[in-house]
C-alpha atoms as a PDB file:
ATOM      1  CA  MET A   1      -8.741  24.610   5.259  1.00  0.00           C
ATOM      2  CA  ARG A   2      -6.892  21.824   7.097  1.00  0.00           C
ATOM      3  CA  ASP A   3      -9.423  19.229   5.889  1.00  0.00           C
ATOM      4  CA  PHE A   4      -9.039  20.519   2.338  1.00  0.00           C
ATOM      5  CA  LEU A   5      -5.242  20.176   2.470  1.00  0.00           C
ATOM      6  CA  LYS A   6      -5.427  16.582   3.740  1.00  0.00           C
ATOM      7  CA  ASN A   7      -7.569  15.524   0.785  1.00  0.00           C
ATOM      8  CA  HIS A   8      -4.735  15.325  -1.776  1.00  0.00           C
ATOM      9  CA  PRO A   9      -5.440  18.789  -3.244  1.00  0.00           C
ATOM     10  CA  PHE A  10      -2.853  18.404  -6.033  1.00  0.00           C
ATOM     11  CA  ALA A  11      -1.220  15.655  -8.063  1.00  0.00           C
ATOM     12  CA  VAL A  12       2.149  14.281  -6.921  1.00  0.00           C
ATOM     13  CA  GLN A  13       4.824  12.481  -8.890  1.00  0.00           C
ATOM     14  CA  ALA A  14       7.912  10.480  -7.981  1.00  0.00           C
ATOM     15  CA  PHE A  15      10.305   7.831  -9.219  1.00  0.00           C
ATOM     16  CA  PHE A  16      10.307   4.443  -7.518  1.00  0.00           C
ATOM     17  CA  LYS A  17      13.865   3.160  -7.372  1.00  0.00           C
ATOM     18  CA  THR A  18      12.527  -0.040  -5.808  1.00  0.00           C
ATOM     19  CA  SER A  19       9.189  -1.092  -4.375  1.00  0.00           C
ATOM     20  CA  VAL A  20       9.200  -4.284  -2.316  1.00  0.00           C
ATOM     21  CA  VAL A  21       5.817  -5.570  -1.153  1.00  0.00           C
ATOM     22  CA  LEU A  22       5.188  -8.444   1.238  1.00  0.00           C
ATOM     23  CA  THR A  23       1.554  -9.547   1.216  1.00  0.00           C
ATOM     24  CA  TYR A  24       0.029 -11.384   4.161  1.00  0.00           C
ATOM     25  CA  SER A  25      -3.204 -13.360   4.125  1.00  0.00           C
ATOM     26  CA  ALA A  26      -5.682 -13.499   6.988  1.00  0.00           C
ATOM     27  CA  PRO A  27      -9.198 -14.849   7.467  1.00  0.00           C
ATOM     28  CA  ALA A  28     -11.534 -12.326   5.902  1.00  0.00           C
ATOM     29  CA  THR A  29     -13.654 -12.303   9.061  1.00  0.00           C
ATOM     30  CA  GLU A  30     -10.704 -10.863  11.010  1.00  0.00           C
ATOM     31  CA  LEU A  31     -10.007  -7.976   8.633  1.00  0.00           C
ATOM     32  CA  GLN A  32     -13.596  -6.987   7.927  1.00  0.00           C
ATOM     33  CA  LYS A  33     -13.854  -4.971  11.151  1.00  0.00           C
ATOM     34  CA  LEU A  34     -10.816  -2.849  10.198  1.00  0.00           C
ATOM     35  CA  ILE A  35     -12.258  -1.274   7.038  1.00  0.00           C
ATOM     36  CA  PRO A  36     -14.976   1.391   6.726  1.00  0.00           C
ATOM     37  CA  GLU A  37     -18.521   0.478   5.731  1.00  0.00           C
ATOM     38  CA  CYS A  38     -18.158   1.851   2.210  1.00  0.00           C
ATOM     39  CA  LEU A  39     -15.499  -0.719   1.322  1.00  0.00           C
ATOM     40  CA  THR A  40     -15.495  -4.482   0.871  1.00  0.00           C
ATOM     41  CA  LEU A  41     -12.527  -6.799   1.207  1.00  0.00           C
ATOM     42  CA  ASP A  42     -10.709  -7.985  -1.895  1.00  0.00           C
ATOM     43  CA  THR A  43     -10.554 -11.708  -1.285  1.00  0.00           C
ATOM     44  CA  PHE A  44      -9.169 -14.962  -2.625  1.00  0.00           C
ATOM     45  CA  GLY A  45     -11.245 -17.818  -1.296  1.00  0.00           C
ATOM     46  CA  ASN A  46     -11.846 -17.107   2.394  1.00  0.00           C
ATOM     47  CA  ASN A  47      -8.719 -14.991   2.676  1.00  0.00           C
ATOM     48  CA  ALA A  48      -8.255 -11.226   2.732  1.00  0.00           C
ATOM     49  CA  PHE A  49      -4.872  -9.526   2.475  1.00  0.00           C
ATOM     50  CA  VAL A  50      -2.593  -6.963   4.102  1.00  0.00           C
ATOM     51  CA  ALA A  51       0.330  -5.493   2.156  1.00  0.00           C
ATOM     52  CA  VAL A  52       3.545  -4.265   3.760  1.00  0.00           C
ATOM     53  CA  ALA A  53       5.156  -1.999   1.160  1.00  0.00           C
ATOM     54  CA  MET A  54       8.728  -0.682   1.403  1.00  0.00           C
ATOM     55  CA  VAL A  55       9.530   1.904  -1.249  1.00  0.00           C
ATOM     56  CA  GLN A  56      12.651   3.899  -2.081  1.00  0.00           C
ATOM     57  CA  THR A  57      11.341   7.053  -3.763  1.00  0.00           C
ATOM     58  CA  ARG A  58      13.278   9.675  -5.687  1.00  0.00           C
ATOM     59  CA  ASN A  59      12.305  13.257  -6.590  1.00  0.00           C
ATOM     60  CA  LEU A  60       8.909  13.209  -4.909  1.00  0.00           C
ATOM     61  CA  ARG A  61       7.222  16.538  -5.708  1.00  0.00           C
ATOM     62  CA  PRO A  62       3.994  18.175  -6.913  1.00  0.00           C
ATOM     63  CA  ARG A  63       3.291  17.082 -10.460  1.00  0.00           C
ATOM     64  CA  GLY A  64       4.839  19.393 -13.041  1.00  0.00           C
ATOM     65  CA  PHE A  65       7.547  20.710 -10.729  1.00  0.00           C
ATOM     66  CA  PRO A  66      11.180  20.173 -11.860  1.00  0.00           C
ATOM     67  CA  GLU A  67      13.052  17.186 -10.419  1.00  0.00           C
ATOM     68  CA  PHE A  68      15.516  19.325  -8.467  1.00  0.00           C
ATOM     69  CA  MET A  69      12.614  20.499  -6.307  1.00  0.00           C
ATOM     70  CA  GLY A  70      11.787  16.937  -5.336  1.00  0.00           C
ATOM     71  CA  ASN A  71      12.871  14.971  -2.276  1.00  0.00           C
ATOM     72  CA  ASN A  72      14.156  11.453  -1.703  1.00  0.00           C
ATOM     73  CA  PHE A  73      12.384   9.436   0.959  1.00  0.00           C
ATOM     74  CA  PHE A  74      11.980   5.901   2.194  1.00  0.00           C
ATOM     75  CA  LEU A  75       8.299   5.099   2.549  1.00  0.00           C
ATOM     76  CA  ALA A  76       6.649   2.091   4.159  1.00  0.00           C
ATOM     77  CA  GLY A  77       3.002   1.344   4.614  1.00  0.00           C
ATOM     78  CA  TYR A  78       0.516  -1.191   5.933  1.00  0.00           C
ATOM     79  CA  ARG A  79      -2.531  -1.493   3.685  1.00  0.00           C
ATOM     80  CA  ILE A  80      -5.582  -3.736   3.303  1.00  0.00           C
ATOM     81  CA  PHE A  81      -6.688  -4.855  -0.181  1.00  0.00           C
ATOM     82  CA  VAL A  82     -10.232  -3.620  -0.755  1.00  0.00           C
ATOM     83  CA  ARG A  83     -12.871  -2.851  -3.362  1.00  0.00           C
ATOM     84  CA  TYR A  84     -15.207   0.106  -3.786  1.00  0.00           C
ATOM     85  CA  GLN A  85     -18.194   0.653  -6.079  1.00  0.00           C
ATOM     86  CA  ASN A  86     -18.407   4.318  -7.061  1.00  0.00           C
ATOM     87  CA  LEU A  87     -21.506   6.364  -7.821  1.00  0.00           C
ATOM     88  CA  LYS A  88     -21.292   5.454 -11.509  1.00  0.00           C
ATOM     89  CA  GLY A  89     -21.455   1.788 -10.590  1.00  0.00           C
ATOM     90  CA  LYS A  90     -17.816   1.098 -11.461  1.00  0.00           C
ATOM     91  CA  LYS A  91     -16.049  -1.381  -9.206  1.00  0.00           C
ATOM     92  CA  LEU A  92     -12.556  -0.230  -8.210  1.00  0.00           C
ATOM     93  CA  ARG A  93      -9.764  -2.315  -6.689  1.00  0.00           C
ATOM     94  CA  GLY A  94      -7.534  -0.527  -4.257  1.00  0.00           C
ATOM     95  CA  LEU A  95      -6.022  -0.185  -0.811  1.00  0.00           C
ATOM     96  CA  TYR A  96      -7.109   1.094   2.586  1.00  0.00           C
ATOM     97  CA  ILE A  97      -4.252   2.623   4.594  1.00  0.00           C
ATOM     98  CA  LEU A  98      -3.689   1.551   8.195  1.00  0.00           C
ATOM     99  CA  LYS A  99      -0.349   3.217   8.876  1.00  0.00           C
ATOM    100  CA  SER A 100       2.602   4.773   7.011  1.00  0.00           C
ATOM    101  CA  LEU A 101       6.289   5.182   7.894  1.00  0.00           C
ATOM    102  CA  THR A 102       9.074   7.364   6.524  1.00  0.00           C
ATOM    103  CA  ASP A 103      12.743   7.935   7.274  1.00  0.00           C
ATOM    104  CA  LYS A 104      12.554  11.751   7.371  1.00  0.00           C
ATOM    105  CA  LYS A 105      10.705  14.233   9.543  1.00  0.00           C
ATOM    106  CA  LYS A 106       9.967  16.400   6.510  1.00  0.00           C
ATOM    107  CA  MET A 107       7.961  13.622   4.888  1.00  0.00           C
ATOM    108  CA  GLU A 108       6.128  12.920   8.141  1.00  0.00           C
ATOM    109  CA  VAL A 109       5.018  16.575   8.295  1.00  0.00           C
ATOM    110  CA  LEU A 110       4.144  16.824   4.603  1.00  0.00           C
ATOM    111  CA  GLY A 111       2.433  13.437   4.549  1.00  0.00           C
ATOM    112  CA  ASN A 112       0.224  14.296   7.508  1.00  0.00           C
ATOM    113  CA  THR A 113      -0.561  17.727   6.041  1.00  0.00           C
ATOM    114  CA  PHE A 114      -1.652  16.558   2.598  1.00  0.00           C
ATOM    115  CA  THR A 115      -2.913  13.002   3.228  1.00  0.00           C
ATOM    116  CA  HIS A 116      -4.829  10.866   5.732  1.00  0.00           C
ATOM    117  CA  TYR A 117      -2.129   8.199   5.626  1.00  0.00           C
ATOM    118  CA  ASN A 118      -1.048   8.449   9.291  1.00  0.00           C
ATOM    119  CA  TYR A 119       2.705   8.979   8.778  1.00  0.00           C
ATOM    120  CA  SER A 120       5.329   8.655  11.494  1.00  0.00           C
ATOM    121  CA  GLN A 121       9.099   8.942  11.260  1.00  0.00           C
ATOM    122  CA  THR A 122      11.213   5.882  11.951  1.00  0.00           C
ATOM    123  CA  ASP A 123      14.767   4.631  11.648  1.00  0.00           C
ATOM    124  CA  ILE A 124      15.417   2.538   8.537  1.00  0.00           C
ATOM    125  CA  VAL A 125      18.449   0.940   6.935  1.00  0.00           C
ATOM    126  CA  VAL A 126      18.315  -0.424   3.381  1.00  0.00           C
ATOM    127  CA  GLU A 127      21.391  -2.315   2.223  1.00  0.00           C
ATOM    128  CA  GLU A 128      22.653  -5.112  -0.018  1.00  0.00           C
ATOM    129  CA  VAL A 129      23.911  -8.120   1.946  1.00  0.00           C
ATOM    130  CA  GLY A 130      25.222 -11.183   0.127  1.00  0.00           C
ATOM    131  CA  GLY A 131      22.904 -10.772  -2.842  1.00  0.00           C
ATOM    132  CA  CYS A 132      19.924  -9.987  -0.610  1.00  0.00           C
ATOM    133  CA  GLN A 133      18.164  -6.708  -0.032  1.00  0.00           C
ATOM    134  CA  HIS A 134      17.961  -6.013   3.686  1.00  0.00           C
ATOM    135  CA  PHE A 135      15.423  -3.706   5.341  1.00  0.00           C
ATOM    136  CA  PHE A 136      15.984  -3.007   9.026  1.00  0.00           C
ATOM    137  CA  SER A 137      14.251  -0.731  11.522  1.00  0.00           C
ATOM    138  CA  ALA A 138      14.802  -1.181  15.248  1.00  0.00           C
ATOM    139  CA  GLY A 139      12.116   1.350  16.097  1.00  0.00           C
ATOM    140  CA  SER A 140       9.427  -0.173  13.867  1.00  0.00           C
ATOM    141  CA  GLY A 141      10.330  -3.842  14.242  1.00  0.00           C
ATOM    142  CA  ILE A 142      11.305  -4.537  10.634  1.00  0.00           C
ATOM    143  CA  ASP A 143      14.042  -7.044   9.748  1.00  0.00           C
ATOM    144  CA  VAL A 144      13.519  -8.373   6.220  1.00  0.00           C
ATOM    145  CA  TYR A 145      15.882 -10.163   3.834  1.00  0.00           C
ATOM    146  CA  VAL A 146      14.680 -10.790   0.268  1.00  0.00           C
ATOM    147  CA  GLU A 147      16.365 -11.790  -2.982  1.00  0.00           C
ATOM    148  CA  GLU A 148      15.123 -11.757  -6.542  1.00  0.00           C
ATOM    149  CA  GLY A 149      13.427 -14.909  -7.719  1.00  0.00           C
ATOM    150  CA  THR A 150      11.747 -16.304 -10.823  1.00  0.00           C
ATOM    151  CA  GLU A 151       8.405 -17.839 -11.722  1.00  0.00           C
ATOM    152  CA  ASN A 152       9.908 -21.121 -10.477  1.00  0.00           C
ATOM    153  CA  THR A 153      10.635 -19.708  -7.023  1.00  0.00           C
ATOM    154  CA  LEU A 154       8.471 -21.326  -4.380  1.00  0.00           C
ATOM    155  CA  LEU A 155       5.754 -19.258  -2.792  1.00  0.00           C
ATOM    156  CA  PRO A 156       6.028 -18.860   0.990  1.00  0.00           C
ATOM    157  CA  ALA A 157       4.979 -21.954   2.904  1.00  0.00           C
ATOM    158  CA  GLY A 158       1.305 -21.781   3.756  1.00  0.00           C
ATOM    159  CA  SER A 159       0.445 -19.297   0.994  1.00  0.00           C
ATOM    160  CA  PRO A 160      -3.192 -19.619  -0.154  1.00  0.00           C
ATOM    161  CA  PHE A 161      -2.159 -19.041  -3.792  1.00  0.00           C
ATOM    162  CA  PRO A 162      -1.605 -22.007  -6.135  1.00  0.00           C
ATOM    163  CA  GLY A 163       0.973 -20.067  -8.179  1.00  0.00           C
ATOM    164  CA  TRP A 164       2.550 -16.699  -8.928  1.00  0.00           C
ATOM    165  CA  LYS A 165      -0.120 -15.885 -11.534  1.00  0.00           C
ATOM    166  CA  GLU A 166      -2.824 -15.763  -8.877  1.00  0.00           C
ATOM    167  CA  ALA A 167      -0.477 -14.179  -6.335  1.00  0.00           C
ATOM    168  CA  ARG A 168       0.354 -11.305  -8.694  1.00  0.00           C
ATOM    169  CA  ARG A 169      -3.229 -10.013  -8.393  1.00  0.00           C
ATOM    170  CA  PHE A 170      -2.288  -9.110  -4.826  1.00  0.00           C
ATOM    171  CA  ALA A 171       1.139  -7.630  -5.507  1.00  0.00           C
ATOM    172  CA  GLY A 172       0.281  -3.991  -4.731  1.00  0.00           C
ATOM    173  CA  PRO A 173       0.101  -1.146  -4.969  1.00  0.00           C
ATOM    174  CA  LEU A 174      -3.242  -1.214  -6.711  1.00  0.00           C
ATOM    175  CA  PRO A 175      -4.641   1.580  -8.915  1.00  0.00           C
ATOM    176  CA  TYR A 176      -6.655   3.264  -6.145  1.00  0.00           C
ATOM    177  CA  THR A 177      -6.364   4.247  -2.496  1.00  0.00           C
ATOM    178  CA  PHE A 178      -9.445   5.057  -0.417  1.00  0.00           C
ATOM    179  CA  THR A 179     -10.147   7.175   2.665  1.00  0.00           C
ATOM    180  CA  PHE A 180     -13.548   7.507   4.321  1.00  0.00           C
ATOM    181  CA  ASN A 181     -14.939  10.411   6.346  1.00  0.00           C
ATOM    182  CA  GLU A 182     -17.483   8.718   8.592  1.00  0.00           C
ATOM    183  CA  GLN A 183     -19.202  11.928   9.710  1.00  0.00           C
ATOM    184  CA  LYS A 184     -19.689  13.353   6.224  1.00  0.00           C
ATOM    185  CA  LYS A 185     -20.097   9.950   4.554  1.00  0.00           C
ATOM    186  CA  GLU A 186     -17.495  11.019   1.997  1.00  0.00           C
ATOM    187  CA  VAL A 187     -15.134   8.716   0.146  1.00  0.00           C
ATOM    188  CA  LEU A 188     -11.816  10.166  -0.998  1.00  0.00           C
ATOM    189  CA  ILE A 189     -10.416   8.340  -4.038  1.00  0.00           C
ATOM    190  CA  ILE A 190      -6.775   8.724  -5.043  1.00  0.00           C
ATOM    191  CA  GLU A 191      -5.761   7.177  -8.343  1.00  0.00           C
ATOM    192  CA  GLY A 192      -2.189   6.091  -8.970  1.00  0.00           C
ATOM    193  CA  VAL A 193      -0.728   6.096 -12.486  1.00  0.00           C
ATOM    194  CA  ARG A 194       2.332   4.015 -13.391  1.00  0.00           C
ATOM    195  CA  GLU A 195       4.107   2.578 -16.436  1.00  0.00           C
ATOM    196  CA  ASN A 196       5.752  -0.796 -17.107  1.00  0.00           C
ATOM    197  CA  TRP A 197       4.419  -2.256 -13.867  1.00  0.00           C
ATOM    198  CA  THR A 198       5.498  -5.908 -13.895  1.00  0.00           C
ATOM    199  CA  PRO A 199       6.081  -7.214 -10.362  1.00  0.00           C
ATOM    200  CA  GLN A 200       8.806  -9.856 -10.128  1.00  0.00           C
ATOM    201  CA  PRO A 201       8.697 -12.648  -7.536  1.00  0.00           C
ATOM    202  CA  LEU A 202      10.962 -12.482  -4.512  1.00  0.00           C
ATOM    203  CA  LEU A 203      12.410 -15.230  -2.369  1.00  0.00           C
ATOM    204  CA  VAL A 204      11.913 -14.251   1.264  1.00  0.00           C
ATOM    205  CA  ASN A 205      14.775 -15.430   3.445  1.00  0.00           C
ATOM    206  CA  GLN A 206      13.529 -13.604   6.528  1.00  0.00           C
ATOM    207  CA  ALA A 207      10.424 -11.561   7.226  1.00  0.00           C
ATOM    208  CA  LYS A 208      10.223 -10.127  10.717  1.00  0.00           C
ATOM    209  CA  VAL A 209       7.601  -7.401  10.580  1.00  0.00           C
ATOM    210  CA  SER A 210       5.928  -5.797  13.576  1.00  0.00           C
ATOM    211  CA  MET A 211       2.360  -5.062  12.550  1.00  0.00           C
ATOM    212  CA  PRO A 212       0.236  -2.079  13.663  1.00  0.00           C
ATOM    213  CA  GLU A 213      -1.681  -2.495  16.907  1.00  0.00           C
ATOM    214  CA  VAL A 214      -4.997  -2.910  15.052  1.00  0.00           C
ATOM    215  CA  LEU A 215      -3.632  -6.163  13.570  1.00  0.00           C
ATOM    216  CA  LYS A 216      -2.436  -7.531  16.908  1.00  0.00           C
ATOM    217  CA  ASN A 217      -4.965 -10.379  17.134  1.00  0.00           C
ATOM    218  CA  THR A 218      -5.041 -11.147  13.403  1.00  0.00           C
ATOM    219  CA  HIS A 219      -3.723 -14.490  12.167  1.00  0.00           C
ATOM    220  CA  LEU A 220      -1.406 -13.334   9.402  1.00  0.00           C
ATOM    221  CA  GLN A 221       0.400 -15.662   6.989  1.00  0.00           C
ATOM    222  CA  LEU A 222       3.010 -14.503   4.463  1.00  0.00           C
ATOM    223  CA  ALA A 223       1.403 -15.129   1.074  1.00  0.00           C
ATOM    224  CA  ASN A 224       3.719 -13.576  -1.538  1.00  0.00           C
ATOM    225  CA  ALA A 225       6.504 -11.064  -2.120  1.00  0.00           C
ATOM    226  CA  PHE A 226       7.221  -8.957  -5.224  1.00  0.00           C
ATOM    227  CA  ILE A 227       9.562  -6.222  -6.382  1.00  0.00           C
ATOM    228  CA  VAL A 228       9.390  -3.568  -9.092  1.00  0.00           C
ATOM    229  CA  LYS A 229      12.265  -1.293 -10.082  1.00  0.00           C
ATOM    230  CA  ASN A 230      12.769   2.072 -11.741  1.00  0.00           C
ATOM    231  CA  ILE A 231       9.130   3.059 -12.194  1.00  0.00           C
ATOM    232  CA  PRO A 232       7.807   6.606 -12.778  1.00  0.00           C
ATOM    233  CA  TYR A 233       4.745   7.019 -10.577  1.00  0.00           C
ATOM    234  CA  CYS A 234       2.056   9.671 -10.159  1.00  0.00           C
ATOM    235  CA  TRP A 235      -0.830  10.148  -7.732  1.00  0.00           C
ATOM    236  CA  LYS A 236      -3.708  12.160  -9.173  1.00  0.00           C
ATOM    237  CA  LYS A 237      -5.521  14.850  -7.243  1.00  0.00           C
ATOM    238  CA  GLY A 238      -7.999  13.331  -4.799  1.00  0.00           C
ATOM    239  CA  VAL A 239     -11.635  12.972  -5.870  1.00  0.00           C
ATOM    240  CA  LYS A 240     -14.457  13.009  -3.305  1.00  0.00           C
ATOM    241  CA  GLU A 241     -17.904  11.565  -3.597  1.00  0.00           C
ATOM    242  CA  THR A 242     -20.721  11.083  -1.120  1.00  0.00           C
ATOM    243  CA  TRP A 243     -21.329   7.463  -0.234  1.00  0.00           C
ATOM    244  CA  LYS A 244     -24.975   6.493  -0.402  1.00  0.00           C
ATOM    245  CA  PRO A 245     -25.409   2.896   0.751  1.00  0.00           C
ATOM    246  CA  ASN A 246     -28.998   2.618  -0.446  1.00  0.00           C
ATOM    247  CA  GLU A 247     -27.937   3.570  -3.967  1.00  0.00           C
ATOM    248  CA  VAL A 248     -25.097   1.047  -3.826  1.00  0.00           C
ATOM    249  CA  LEU A 249     -27.536  -1.698  -2.850  1.00  0.00           C
ATOM    250  CA  SER A 250     -29.869  -0.759  -5.690  1.00  0.00           C
ATOM    251  CA  ARG A 251     -26.993  -1.010  -8.215  1.00  0.00           C
ATOM    252  CA  ALA A 252     -25.665  -4.316  -6.893  1.00  0.00           C
END
C-alpha cells in the first residue's frame, strides 16, 4: 500500500504565483552517474544540466477539489534534465528529481507519502528588495537575488548557450518527471500540464546555492535563469511501465 501511495495515485493541481528556475551546466560525464539506467541526459553540446527551481504555490490540492481545501507552500527542488523513450517509442523530455525542499512540515509529510521526491522541511524567506526578488534559507544554503530582465539581458558569464532562444529549452519545469524502481525495473512517469508557459529571462545579481551532496564534486556553472508568473498547473496521475532495455535498443 505504501508503494502504491508514493506513485502519484491521483492528479494534483495548484496555482504557481511565481516559479524561478536557475539552471546550471556541468560536463555530461559528471552527471551521467547520477541518473538511472533507463534515462539519458538531455544535453547541449557536451553539457548536461541541473535545475534549481523555487516555486511559490497556491491552493495545492487533489485535482477537482475546491480551492479552499488547498494549501499554500514554498517548494524548491534540484532536478537533472533527462530524456526517456517509452514503450511506444516516443521520446519524452523531462526531469529526474535529486532532492526537494518545502517551508512546511505538512508538505514534507504529504510529499513523502505521495511522491518519491525526497522532501525535507527548511527555513525560507521570499521578499522584494530594491526591485529584486530575494530567496534566503540559512538551513539549506540559499541566498539568491534576481530581477526581471529582457531578451537583451546578458546570460550569466560562462553560459554554454549562445542566446536566450537556446537557453529557454532548459528553462524547466519540463512536461515530464521520471522515477525509477531499480528492483522492479519500473519507470514512473508523471506528466505536468500548464497554460501560457512563457519563461522570461532573469538577471541574476547573486546566486549562492548549496547543492545536494551527490553534486559535491560536480563542476557546475550557472547557465540561465527564468521566471514565470500566475500559472495554473496540474500533475496527472502517475503512469508506470516496465523498462525493457533490449526493446529500447531494438527501437533505437
